[in-house]
Amino acid sequence: MPPIHFSRSSEKHGIPEADQRHAIANPTVVQLVEPDVLLIIGHPHGQTDRLIEILVRALPSGDKNVFHAMELGPKFRPFLEETQA
């Protein structure tokens, strides 16, 4: 798996890198939302029902850059609802 880098902006909304890594490793939803941006929705750890949204950009080098993480909001919630329908 290519290296994953975490931008400072990924912690802007208070989601620690460890929680982001857990959601990436255990996704509930994975969806391409732009040609080079992947949406991941998942739990920040195994003992919660909370969900977080993570945006990961694929870099030309093949590396991955996590640039956004926050509690799941209304913009990306429909992707979760599609998988539960």
N, C-alpha and C. Protein backbone atom coordinates (compact mmCIF):
# COMPACT_ATOMS: atom_id res chain seq x y z
N MET A 1 0.85 -1.19 0.00
CA MET A 1 0.00 0.00 0.00
C MET A 1 0.89 1.25 0.00
N PRO A 2 0.56 2.25 -0.82
CA PRO A 2 1.36 3.47 -0.86
C PRO A 2 1.34 4.18 0.49
N PRO A 3 2.39 4.94 0.77
CA PRO A 3 2.42 5.70 2.03
C PRO A 3 1.24 6.67 2.12
N ILE A 4 0.75 6.86 3.33
CA ILE A 4 -0.32 7.82 3.59
C ILE A 4 0.27 8.96 4.40
N HIS A 5 0.08 10.17 3.90
CA HIS A 5 0.55 11.37 4.60
C HIS A 5 -0.67 12.13 5.11
N PHE A 6 -0.52 12.76 6.26
CA PHE A 6 -1.62 13.50 6.87
C PHE A 6 -1.26 14.98 6.91
N SER A 7 -2.01 15.79 6.18
CA SER A 7 -1.82 17.24 6.20
C SER A 7 -2.29 17.77 7.55
N ARG A 8 -1.74 18.90 7.95
CA ARG A 8 -2.20 19.53 9.18
C ARG A 8 -3.70 19.82 9.12
N SER A 9 -4.18 20.13 7.92
CA SER A 9 -5.60 20.45 7.76
C SER A 9 -6.51 19.28 8.13
N SER A 10 -5.96 18.06 8.13
CA SER A 10 -6.80 16.90 8.46
C SER A 10 -7.19 16.87 9.93
N GLU A 11 -6.48 17.62 10.77
CA GLU A 11 -6.83 17.67 12.20
C GLU A 11 -7.54 18.98 12.57
N LYS A 12 -7.87 19.78 11.57
CA LYS A 12 -8.51 21.08 11.79
C LYS A 12 -9.81 20.96 12.59
N HIS A 13 -10.56 19.88 12.38
CA HIS A 13 -11.85 19.70 13.05
C HIS A 13 -11.76 18.80 14.28
N GLY A 14 -10.54 18.58 14.79
CA GLY A 14 -10.37 17.86 16.04
C GLY A 14 -10.35 16.34 15.95
N ILE A 15 -10.16 15.79 14.76
CA ILE A 15 -10.09 14.33 14.62
C ILE A 15 -8.62 13.92 14.63
N PRO A 16 -8.16 13.24 15.68
CA PRO A 16 -6.75 12.86 15.77
C PRO A 16 -6.34 11.89 14.65
N GLU A 17 -5.06 11.91 14.31
CA GLU A 17 -4.55 11.04 13.25
C GLU A 17 -4.85 9.57 13.53
N ALA A 18 -4.76 9.14 14.78
CA ALA A 18 -5.03 7.73 15.11
C ALA A 18 -6.47 7.36 14.76
N ASP A 19 -7.41 8.26 15.01
CA ASP A 19 -8.81 8.00 14.66
C ASP A 19 -9.00 7.96 13.15
N GLN A 20 -8.30 8.83 12.44
CA GLN A 20 -8.36 8.83 10.98
C GLN A 20 -7.82 7.51 10.43
N ARG A 21 -6.70 7.07 10.98
CA ARG A 21 -6.11 5.80 10.53
C ARG A 21 -7.06 4.63 10.75
N HIS A 22 -7.76 4.63 11.89
CA HIS A 22 -8.70 3.55 12.17
C HIS A 22 -9.83 3.54 11.15
N ALA A 23 -10.38 4.70 10.85
CA ALA A 23 -11.47 4.78 9.87
C ALA A 23 -11.00 4.36 8.48
N ILE A 24 -9.78 4.73 8.11
CA ILE A 24 -9.24 4.35 6.81
C ILE A 24 -9.04 2.84 6.73
N ALA A 25 -8.59 2.24 7.82
CA ALA A 25 -8.34 0.80 7.84
C ALA A 25 -9.63 -0.02 7.94
N ASN A 26 -10.71 0.61 8.43
CA ASN A 26 -11.99 -0.09 8.65
C ASN A 26 -13.14 0.73 8.07
N PRO A 27 -13.15 0.97 6.77
CA PRO A 27 -14.16 1.87 6.19
C PRO A 27 -15.55 1.26 6.13
N THR A 28 -16.54 2.12 6.29
CA THR A 28 -17.94 1.75 6.06
C THR A 28 -18.32 2.08 4.62
N VAL A 29 -17.80 3.20 4.13
CA VAL A 29 -18.04 3.66 2.75
C VAL A 29 -16.72 4.11 2.15
N VAL A 30 -16.49 3.73 0.90
CA VAL A 30 -15.36 4.23 0.11
C VAL A 30 -15.94 4.64 -1.24
N GLN A 31 -15.75 5.91 -1.60
CA GLN A 31 -16.38 6.42 -2.82
C GLN A 31 -15.46 7.45 -3.47
N LEU A 32 -15.25 7.32 -4.75
CA LEU A 32 -14.50 8.32 -5.51
C LEU A 32 -15.42 9.52 -5.72
N VAL A 33 -15.01 10.70 -5.22
CA VAL A 33 -15.85 11.89 -5.33
C VAL A 33 -15.29 12.91 -6.33
N GLU A 34 -14.04 12.78 -6.69
CA GLU A 34 -13.37 13.56 -7.73
C GLU A 34 -12.38 12.61 -8.37
N PRO A 35 -11.86 12.95 -9.55
CA PRO A 35 -10.94 12.01 -10.22
C PRO A 35 -9.76 11.56 -9.36
N ASP A 36 -9.31 12.41 -8.44
CA ASP A 36 -8.17 12.04 -7.61
C ASP A 36 -8.46 12.12 -6.11
N VAL A 37 -9.75 12.17 -5.74
CA VAL A 37 -10.13 12.30 -4.32
C VAL A 37 -11.09 11.18 -3.93
N LEU A 38 -10.71 10.49 -2.86
CA LEU A 38 -11.49 9.38 -2.33
C LEU A 38 -12.15 9.81 -1.03
N LEU A 39 -13.44 9.55 -0.89
CA LEU A 39 -14.17 9.77 0.35
C LEU A 39 -14.18 8.46 1.12
N ILE A 40 -13.80 8.54 2.39
CA ILE A 40 -13.89 7.38 3.28
C ILE A 40 -14.76 7.79 4.47
N ILE A 41 -15.76 6.99 4.75
CA ILE A 41 -16.60 7.18 5.93
C ILE A 41 -16.38 5.97 6.82
N GLY A 42 -16.09 6.23 8.09
CA GLY A 42 -15.85 5.12 9.00
C GLY A 42 -15.90 5.57 10.45
N HIS A 43 -15.78 4.61 11.33
CA HIS A 43 -15.77 4.88 12.77
C HIS A 43 -14.35 5.25 13.20
N PRO A 44 -14.22 6.24 14.09
CA PRO A 44 -12.88 6.63 14.54
C PRO A 44 -12.22 5.60 15.45
N HIS A 45 -13.00 4.71 16.03
CA HIS A 45 -12.47 3.58 16.80
C HIS A 45 -13.59 2.55 16.94
N GLY A 46 -13.24 1.40 17.43
CA GLY A 46 -14.19 0.28 17.45
C GLY A 46 -15.30 0.35 18.48
N GLN A 47 -15.21 1.26 19.44
CA GLN A 47 -16.21 1.30 20.51
C GLN A 47 -17.14 2.50 20.39
N THR A 48 -17.49 2.88 19.17
CA THR A 48 -18.39 4.02 18.99
C THR A 48 -19.29 3.82 17.78
N ASP A 49 -20.43 4.48 17.82
CA ASP A 49 -21.32 4.50 16.66
C ASP A 49 -21.08 5.75 15.82
N ARG A 50 -20.26 6.69 16.33
CA ARG A 50 -19.94 7.91 15.58
C ARG A 50 -19.29 7.56 14.25
N LEU A 51 -19.50 8.41 13.27
CA LEU A 51 -18.86 8.24 11.97
C LEU A 51 -18.12 9.52 11.61
N ILE A 52 -17.00 9.36 10.94
CA ILE A 52 -16.25 10.51 10.45
C ILE A 52 -16.09 10.40 8.94
N GLU A 53 -15.92 11.55 8.31
CA GLU A 53 -15.67 11.62 6.87
C GLU A 53 -14.21 12.00 6.67
N ILE A 54 -13.58 11.36 5.73
CA ILE A 54 -12.17 11.61 5.43
C ILE A 54 -12.04 11.76 3.92
N LEU A 55 -11.28 12.76 3.50
CA LEU A 55 -10.98 12.94 2.08
C LEU A 55 -9.49 12.70 1.86
N VAL A 56 -9.19 11.85 0.89
CA VAL A 56 -7.82 11.44 0.60
C VAL A 56 -7.53 11.73 -0.87
N ARG A 57 -6.46 12.48 -1.11
CA ARG A 57 -6.06 12.79 -2.49
C ARG A 57 -4.95 11.84 -2.92
N ALA A 58 -5.09 11.29 -4.11
CA ALA A 58 -4.04 10.46 -4.70
C ALA A 58 -3.04 11.39 -5.37
N LEU A 59 -1.78 11.28 -4.99
CA LEU A 59 -0.73 12.13 -5.55
C LEU A 59 -0.10 11.44 -6.76
N PRO A 60 0.50 12.21 -7.68
CA PRO A 60 1.13 11.61 -8.86
C PRO A 60 2.18 10.55 -8.51
N SER A 61 2.80 10.68 -7.35
CA SER A 61 3.82 9.71 -6.91
C SER A 61 3.21 8.37 -6.51
N GLY A 62 1.88 8.34 -6.33
CA GLY A 62 1.22 7.14 -5.84
C GLY A 62 0.92 7.22 -4.35
N ASP A 63 1.57 8.17 -3.66
CA ASP A 63 1.29 8.37 -2.24
C ASP A 63 -0.13 8.89 -2.07
N LYS A 64 -0.63 8.79 -0.86
CA LYS A 64 -1.97 9.29 -0.53
C LYS A 64 -1.83 10.42 0.48
N ASN A 65 -2.63 11.48 0.33
CA ASN A 65 -2.59 12.61 1.23
C ASN A 65 -3.98 12.83 1.84
N VAL A 66 -4.09 12.63 3.15
CA VAL A 66 -5.33 12.91 3.87
C VAL A 66 -5.34 14.40 4.17
N PHE A 67 -6.34 15.11 3.64
CA PHE A 67 -6.37 16.56 3.81
C PHE A 67 -7.62 17.05 4.52
N HIS A 68 -8.57 16.15 4.83
CA HIS A 68 -9.81 16.57 5.49
C HIS A 68 -10.34 15.42 6.33
N ALA A 69 -10.73 15.73 7.56
CA ALA A 69 -11.39 14.75 8.43
C ALA A 69 -12.27 15.52 9.42
N MET A 70 -13.50 15.06 9.55
CA MET A 70 -14.42 15.67 10.52
C MET A 70 -15.58 14.71 10.77
N GLU A 71 -16.40 15.05 11.76
CA GLU A 71 -17.61 14.27 12.01
C GLU A 71 -18.42 14.24 10.71
N LEU A 72 -19.07 13.12 10.43
CA LEU A 72 -19.85 13.00 9.21
C LEU A 72 -20.93 14.08 9.17
N GLY A 73 -20.92 14.86 8.10
CA GLY A 73 -21.87 15.96 7.96
C GLY A 73 -22.87 15.70 6.84
N PRO A 74 -23.76 16.66 6.61
CA PRO A 74 -24.83 16.48 5.63
C PRO A 74 -24.35 16.37 4.19
N LYS A 75 -23.20 16.94 3.87
CA LYS A 75 -22.71 16.89 2.48
C LYS A 75 -22.44 15.46 2.03
N PHE A 76 -21.83 14.65 2.91
CA PHE A 76 -21.44 13.29 2.53
C PHE A 76 -22.34 12.20 3.11
N ARG A 77 -23.28 12.55 3.98
CA ARG A 77 -24.19 11.56 4.56
C ARG A 77 -24.97 10.76 3.51
N PRO A 78 -25.37 11.37 2.38
CA PRO A 78 -26.09 10.58 1.36
C PRO A 78 -25.30 9.37 0.85
N PHE A 79 -23.98 9.44 0.84
CA PHE A 79 -23.18 8.28 0.42
C PHE A 79 -23.37 7.12 1.39
N LEU A 80 -23.50 7.42 2.67
CA LEU A 80 -23.75 6.38 3.68
C LEU A 80 -25.15 5.82 3.49
N GLU A 81 -26.12 6.69 3.29
CA GLU A 81 -27.51 6.26 3.15
C GLU A 81 -27.69 5.38 1.91
N GLU A 82 -26.92 5.65 0.84
CA GLU A 82 -26.99 4.82 -0.37
C GLU A 82 -26.58 3.38 -0.08
N THR A 83 -25.60 3.20 0.79
CA THR A 83 -25.13 1.85 1.10
C THR A 83 -26.08 1.11 2.03
N GLN A 84 -26.93 1.85 2.74
CA GLN A 84 -27.86 1.24 3.68
C GLN A 84 -29.24 0.99 3.07
N ALA A 85 -29.44 1.45 1.84
CA ALA A 85 -30.75 1.29 1.19
C ALA A 85 -30.98 -0.12 0.71
